């Protein structure tokens, strides 16, 4: 299979590219800096320039004749949300996906990829306390929910012409970046603990299962529409903190007050202070077998080489 990957040099993208190459697929990376992409990614990856995803579609030569696209491009969420940062978080996803769809639609039908797996996020559901949320749950009404809904809308614009999956990914556990990398310094010093009471749910997932879920969505013709990429047993922030403390052999009981988190992160603190109890109903129905269903085992594996 020939697969185009956007966001190929990111935390998830590099792992997706490795998995595709390991099973013998041809990989085409779309990148603002193709030379860097070639240096970062495995040998044999074909890299094409996509200088400004918000303004123009990818080069036709990168897309034409591919079997599928895995679209992971987006500005990082974990930063202080200034006005400009929020605009970039939104535009990188919405305009970037719109440009990709424009490029796909411009291809001759017999040269167009048959499937698009487009990243989304469990932030789609907004802050929902302990309510179990599968793919039928409606969108929330906060900033990230609005971003995810608009992001998915752009991908769905081509759903009548190719199979489209929107992968609502949870909090990815990987030592190299994301939420876990931000938690580690405090926990390693023994000053980590539950945030704002710790009752909010964390829709976690090990990076290996993100990759496995994305490949299933790429391969399985039954995969259509929104699919939650989350572990089958979501945990509260307090449970995650205790598990991380056990893995690191450090105390993890020092509470972190909500106002301190807001002072540190501003509006972005809402992603830590609230959560979603998202469950992978569709992924389970499709027969996906999780490598990591237990959060402590997932943390232990993610940190085994860190």
Protein backbone atom coordinates (compact mmCIF):
# COMPACT_ATOMS: atom_id res chain seq x y z
CA UNK A 1 0.00 0.00 0.00
CA UNK A 2 1.16 3.54 -0.72
CA UNK A 3 0.23 5.89 2.15
CA UNK A 4 0.58 9.66 2.42
CA UNK A 5 1.22 10.98 5.95
CA UNK A 6 0.95 14.61 7.04
CA UNK A 7 2.48 15.63 10.36
CA UNK A 8 4.89 12.75 9.79
CA UNK A 9 7.68 14.14 12.00
CA UNK A 10 5.47 14.63 15.07
CA UNK A 11 5.03 12.45 18.17
CA UNK A 12 2.42 10.22 16.50
CA UNK A 13 3.56 10.68 12.91
CA UNK A 14 7.05 9.24 13.39
CA UNK A 15 5.58 6.12 15.01
CA UNK A 16 2.99 5.76 12.25
CA UNK A 17 5.68 6.00 9.58
CA UNK A 18 7.79 3.34 11.34
CA UNK A 19 4.81 0.99 11.57
CA UNK A 20 3.87 1.46 7.92
CA UNK A 21 7.44 0.85 6.78
CA UNK A 22 7.74 -2.20 9.04
CA UNK A 23 4.82 -3.88 7.32
CA UNK A 24 6.16 -3.09 3.85
CA UNK A 25 4.10 -0.05 2.86
CA UNK A 26 5.43 2.81 0.76
CA UNK A 27 5.27 6.08 2.72
CA UNK A 28 5.01 9.60 1.35
CA UNK A 29 5.58 12.37 3.91
CA UNK A 30 4.17 15.83 3.27
CA UNK A 31 6.30 18.41 5.07
CA UNK A 32 7.10 22.10 5.16
CA UNK A 33 10.75 20.99 5.30
CA UNK A 34 11.20 17.80 3.26
CA UNK A 35 14.96 17.70 3.89
CA UNK A 36 14.37 17.58 7.65
CA UNK A 37 11.65 14.98 7.15
CA UNK A 38 14.04 12.74 5.25
CA UNK A 39 16.62 13.11 8.03
CA UNK A 40 14.12 12.37 10.82
CA UNK A 41 12.18 9.54 9.20
CA UNK A 42 13.17 6.04 8.21
CA UNK A 43 15.22 5.41 5.09
CA UNK A 44 13.07 4.94 2.03
CA UNK A 45 10.41 7.49 2.98
CA UNK A 46 9.51 9.74 0.07
CA UNK A 47 9.17 13.38 1.21
CA UNK A 48 7.34 16.11 -0.71
CA UNK A 49 7.16 19.81 0.13
CA UNK A 50 3.92 21.31 1.43
CA UNK A 51 5.15 24.83 2.26
CA UNK A 52 1.92 26.40 3.50
CA UNK A 53 -0.93 23.98 4.24
CA UNK A 54 -3.24 26.82 5.26
CA UNK A 55 -2.94 28.51 1.88
CA UNK A 56 -2.54 25.84 -0.79
CA UNK A 57 -3.16 22.13 -1.38
CA UNK A 58 -0.30 19.61 -1.46
CA UNK A 59 1.46 18.94 -4.76
CA UNK A 60 -0.63 16.54 -6.88
CA UNK A 61 2.37 14.26 -7.41
CA UNK A 62 2.43 13.47 -3.68
CA UNK A 63 -1.22 12.38 -3.57
CA UNK A 64 -1.83 10.87 -6.99
CA UNK A 65 -1.89 7.10 -7.02
CA UNK A 66 -1.74 6.71 -3.25
CA UNK A 67 -4.05 4.20 -1.57
CA UNK A 68 -4.71 6.23 1.55
CA UNK A 69 -3.89 9.35 3.57
CA UNK A 70 -3.27 9.65 7.31
CA UNK A 71 -3.67 13.33 8.18
CA UNK A 72 -2.04 14.32 11.50
CA UNK A 73 -1.12 17.94 10.88
CA UNK A 74 -1.92 20.51 13.57
CA UNK A 75 -0.38 23.17 15.82
CA UNK A 76 0.39 21.80 19.33
CA UNK A 77 -2.38 22.35 21.89
CA UNK A 78 -0.06 22.34 24.93
CA UNK A 79 0.99 25.99 24.94
CA UNK A 80 -0.30 29.19 26.50
CA UNK A 81 -3.38 30.19 24.53
CA UNK A 82 -2.71 33.72 23.39
CA UNK A 83 -5.04 35.15 20.77
CA UNK A 84 -2.50 34.29 18.06
CA UNK A 85 -1.92 30.77 19.40
CA UNK A 86 -5.65 30.00 19.42
CA UNK A 87 -5.95 31.24 15.86
CA UNK A 88 -3.07 29.00 14.78
CA UNK A 89 -4.48 25.97 16.65
CA UNK A 90 -7.75 26.44 14.77
CA UNK A 91 -6.41 27.44 11.36
CA UNK A 92 -3.68 24.79 11.16
CA UNK A 93 -6.38 22.13 11.52
CA UNK A 94 -9.32 23.64 9.67
CA UNK A 95 -7.52 25.36 6.80
CA UNK A 96 -4.91 22.61 6.54
CA UNK A 97 -7.61 19.95 6.21
CA UNK A 98 -9.54 22.11 3.75
CA UNK A 99 -6.42 22.43 1.58
CA UNK A 100 -5.83 18.69 1.71
CA UNK A 101 -9.41 17.95 0.68
CA UNK A 102 -9.12 20.46 -2.16
CA UNK A 103 -6.02 18.64 -3.39
CA UNK A 104 -7.69 15.24 -3.14
CA UNK A 105 -10.82 16.40 -4.94
CA UNK A 106 -8.75 17.82 -7.81
CA UNK A 107 -7.28 14.40 -8.64
CA UNK A 108 -8.79 12.18 -11.33
CA UNK A 109 -11.18 9.76 -9.65
CA UNK A 110 -9.14 6.71 -10.67
CA UNK A 111 -5.97 8.26 -9.19
CA UNK A 112 -7.51 9.47 -5.91
CA UNK A 113 -6.75 7.65 -2.63
CA UNK A 114 -9.65 5.48 -1.47
CA UNK A 115 -9.47 6.44 2.20
CA UNK A 116 -8.66 9.41 4.43
CA UNK A 117 -7.94 8.96 8.14
CA UNK A 118 -8.02 12.45 9.61
CA UNK A 119 -6.90 13.18 13.15
CA UNK A 120 -9.36 14.70 15.60
CA UNK A 121 -9.45 14.73 19.41
CA UNK A 122 -11.60 13.73 22.37
CA UNK A 123 -11.74 17.44 23.10
CA UNK A 124 -14.67 17.27 20.66
CA UNK A 125 -16.87 16.28 23.61
CA UNK A 126 -16.00 19.22 25.85
CA UNK A 127 -15.96 19.00 29.64
CA UNK A 128 -18.36 16.18 30.54
CA UNK A 129 -17.47 15.03 34.10
CA UNK A 130 -17.92 11.25 34.51
CA UNK A 131 -20.36 10.60 31.65
CA UNK A 132 -19.22 7.72 29.44
CA UNK A 133 -18.82 9.14 25.93
CA UNK A 134 -18.85 7.03 22.80
CA UNK A 135 -18.89 8.28 19.23
CA UNK A 136 -22.62 9.09 19.36
CA UNK A 137 -22.17 11.78 22.04
CA UNK A 138 -22.68 15.37 20.84
CA UNK A 139 -19.98 18.01 20.63
CA UNK A 140 -19.22 20.25 23.58
CA UNK A 141 -19.29 24.03 23.56
CA UNK A 142 -15.78 25.12 24.59
CA UNK A 143 -12.84 26.21 22.43
CA UNK A 144 -11.34 22.78 21.79
CA UNK A 145 -14.74 21.27 21.07
CA UNK A 146 -15.35 23.97 18.46
CA UNK A 147 -11.92 23.33 16.93
CA UNK A 148 -12.50 19.57 16.72
CA UNK A 149 -15.99 19.95 15.27
CA UNK A 150 -14.76 22.36 12.57
CA UNK A 151 -11.76 20.08 11.86
CA UNK A 152 -14.00 17.06 11.36
CA UNK A 153 -16.41 19.07 9.21
CA UNK A 154 -13.61 19.84 6.74
CA UNK A 155 -12.60 16.18 6.47
CA UNK A 156 -16.21 15.06 6.05
CA UNK A 157 -16.59 17.35 3.03
CA UNK A 158 -15.11 14.62 0.83
CA UNK A 159 -16.90 11.68 2.48
CA UNK A 160 -19.13 11.16 -0.57
CA UNK A 161 -16.04 10.59 -2.73
CA UNK A 162 -13.83 8.46 -0.46
CA UNK A 163 -13.99 6.66 2.86
CA UNK A 164 -13.31 9.13 5.69
CA UNK A 165 -12.50 8.38 9.33
CA UNK A 166 -12.08 11.07 11.97
CA UNK A 167 -9.89 9.64 14.74
CA UNK A 168 -10.81 11.29 18.05
CA UNK A 169 -7.54 10.71 19.88
CA UNK A 170 -7.19 10.98 23.64
CA UNK A 171 -4.19 11.86 25.83
CA UNK A 172 -1.26 10.01 24.25
CA UNK A 173 1.19 8.37 26.66
CA UNK A 174 4.71 8.52 25.20
CA UNK A 175 7.94 9.59 26.83
CA UNK A 176 9.05 11.74 23.91
CA UNK A 177 6.41 14.43 24.20
CA UNK A 178 2.79 15.30 24.85
CA UNK A 179 1.15 15.40 28.28
CA UNK A 180 3.44 12.80 29.87
CA UNK A 181 6.59 14.78 29.09
CA UNK A 182 5.07 17.79 30.86
CA UNK A 183 4.13 15.72 33.93
CA UNK A 184 7.47 13.96 34.37
CA UNK A 185 9.68 16.73 35.85
CA UNK A 186 7.41 17.35 38.85
CA UNK A 187 6.74 13.66 39.46
CA UNK A 188 10.43 12.77 39.26
CA UNK A 189 11.10 15.38 41.92
CA UNK A 190 8.40 13.83 44.11
CA UNK A 191 6.17 16.90 43.98
CA UNK A 192 3.58 15.60 41.49
CA UNK A 193 0.03 14.75 42.36
CA UNK A 194 -3.62 15.06 41.41
CA UNK A 195 -4.72 18.35 39.88
CA UNK A 196 -7.70 20.26 41.28
CA UNK A 197 -8.97 17.27 43.26
CA UNK A 198 -8.16 14.75 40.52
CA UNK A 199 -11.73 13.67 39.84
CA UNK A 200 -11.65 14.67 36.16
CA UNK A 201 -11.27 11.78 33.71
CA UNK A 202 -8.26 11.38 31.45
CA UNK A 203 -9.02 9.60 28.12
CA UNK A 204 -5.53 8.15 27.89
CA UNK A 205 -4.04 5.84 25.25
CA UNK A 206 -0.56 4.42 24.70
CA UNK A 207 1.11 5.65 21.52
CA UNK A 208 1.40 2.08 20.20
CA UNK A 209 -2.39 1.77 20.37
CA UNK A 210 -2.85 5.12 18.63
CA UNK A 211 -0.73 3.74 15.80
CA UNK A 212 -2.56 0.41 15.81
CA UNK A 213 -5.93 2.15 15.79
CA UNK A 214 -4.95 4.46 12.94
CA UNK A 215 -3.74 1.54 10.83
CA UNK A 216 -6.96 -0.36 11.51
CA UNK A 217 -8.92 2.71 10.39
CA UNK A 218 -6.80 2.85 7.26
CA UNK A 219 -7.20 -0.85 6.44
CA UNK A 220 -10.73 -1.80 7.51
CA UNK A 221 -13.50 -0.82 5.10
CA UNK A 222 -15.96 -0.91 8.01
CA UNK A 223 -14.20 2.03 9.65
CA UNK A 224 -16.17 5.15 8.73
CA UNK A 225 -16.87 8.42 10.52
CA UNK A 226 -15.77 9.27 14.06
CA UNK A 227 -13.81 6.66 16.01
CA UNK A 228 -12.48 7.23 19.53
CA UNK A 229 -8.81 6.32 19.90
CA UNK A 230 -8.76 5.87 23.67
CA UNK A 231 -7.95 2.99 26.00
CA UNK A 232 -10.91 0.86 27.11
CA UNK A 233 -10.53 1.88 30.78
CA UNK A 234 -10.23 5.66 31.18
CA UNK A 235 -8.95 6.77 34.58
CA UNK A 236 -9.29 9.87 36.71
CA UNK A 237 -6.45 12.34 37.04
CA UNK A 238 -5.88 11.06 40.58
CA UNK A 239 -5.63 7.45 39.37
CA UNK A 240 -3.21 8.46 36.63
CA UNK A 241 -1.10 10.37 39.18
CA UNK A 242 -0.92 7.41 41.55
CA UNK A 243 0.02 5.05 38.72
CA UNK A 244 2.77 7.38 37.52
CA UNK A 245 4.10 7.69 41.07
CA UNK A 246 4.30 3.90 41.39
CA UNK A 247 6.14 3.57 38.08
CA UNK A 248 8.66 6.26 39.09
CA UNK A 249 8.87 5.08 42.72
CA UNK A 250 8.00 8.57 43.90
CA UNK A 251 5.22 9.95 46.09
CA UNK A 252 2.30 11.29 44.07
CA UNK A 253 -0.03 12.71 46.68
CA UNK A 254 0.82 16.40 46.66
CA UNK A 255 -2.34 18.11 45.40
CA UNK A 256 -1.99 20.77 42.73
CA UNK A 257 -4.64 23.48 43.20
CA UNK A 258 -6.63 24.57 40.17
CA UNK A 259 -5.75 28.29 40.54
CA UNK A 260 -2.04 27.43 40.35
CA UNK A 261 -2.60 25.57 37.07
CA UNK A 262 -4.59 28.50 35.67
CA UNK A 263 -1.81 30.89 36.68
CA UNK A 264 0.77 28.74 34.92
CA UNK A 265 -1.12 27.88 31.73
CA UNK A 266 -3.87 30.49 31.41
CA UNK A 267 -6.92 29.38 29.43
CA UNK A 268 -5.11 26.23 28.28
CA UNK A 269 -5.43 24.97 31.88
CA UNK A 270 -8.99 23.92 31.03
CA UNK A 271 -7.54 20.87 29.26
CA UNK A 272 -6.08 19.70 32.59
CA UNK A 273 -8.85 20.84 34.93
CA UNK A 274 -11.62 19.16 32.94
CA UNK A 275 -11.77 15.93 31.00
CA UNK A 276 -13.75 13.38 29.06
CA UNK A 277 -14.55 9.77 29.92
CA UNK A 278 -14.33 8.76 26.27
CA UNK A 279 -14.66 5.05 25.49
CA UNK A 280 -13.56 3.25 22.29
CA UNK A 281 -16.90 1.69 21.32
CA UNK A 282 -16.33 1.63 17.55
CA UNK A 283 -12.72 0.48 17.82
CA UNK A 284 -13.82 -2.42 20.00
CA UNK A 285 -16.66 -3.29 17.60
CA UNK A 286 -14.12 -3.44 14.79
CA UNK A 287 -12.16 -6.03 16.74
CA UNK A 288 -9.13 -3.98 17.72
CA UNK A 289 -7.04 -5.67 20.43
CA UNK A 290 -5.33 -3.16 22.70
CA UNK A 291 -1.71 -3.71 23.59
CA UNK A 292 -2.20 -1.61 26.71
CA UNK A 293 -5.55 -1.59 28.51
CA UNK A 294 -4.05 -0.91 31.95
CA UNK A 295 -2.70 2.58 32.59
CA UNK A 296 0.16 1.51 34.87
CA UNK A 297 1.42 -1.02 32.33
CA UNK A 298 1.16 1.65 29.63
CA UNK A 299 3.16 4.15 31.70
CA UNK A 300 5.76 1.53 32.58
CA UNK A 301 6.27 0.70 28.89
CA UNK A 302 6.28 4.32 27.75
CA UNK A 303 8.97 5.21 30.31
CA UNK A 304 11.03 2.04 29.97
CA UNK A 305 13.69 3.77 27.91
CA UNK A 306 13.30 7.30 29.27
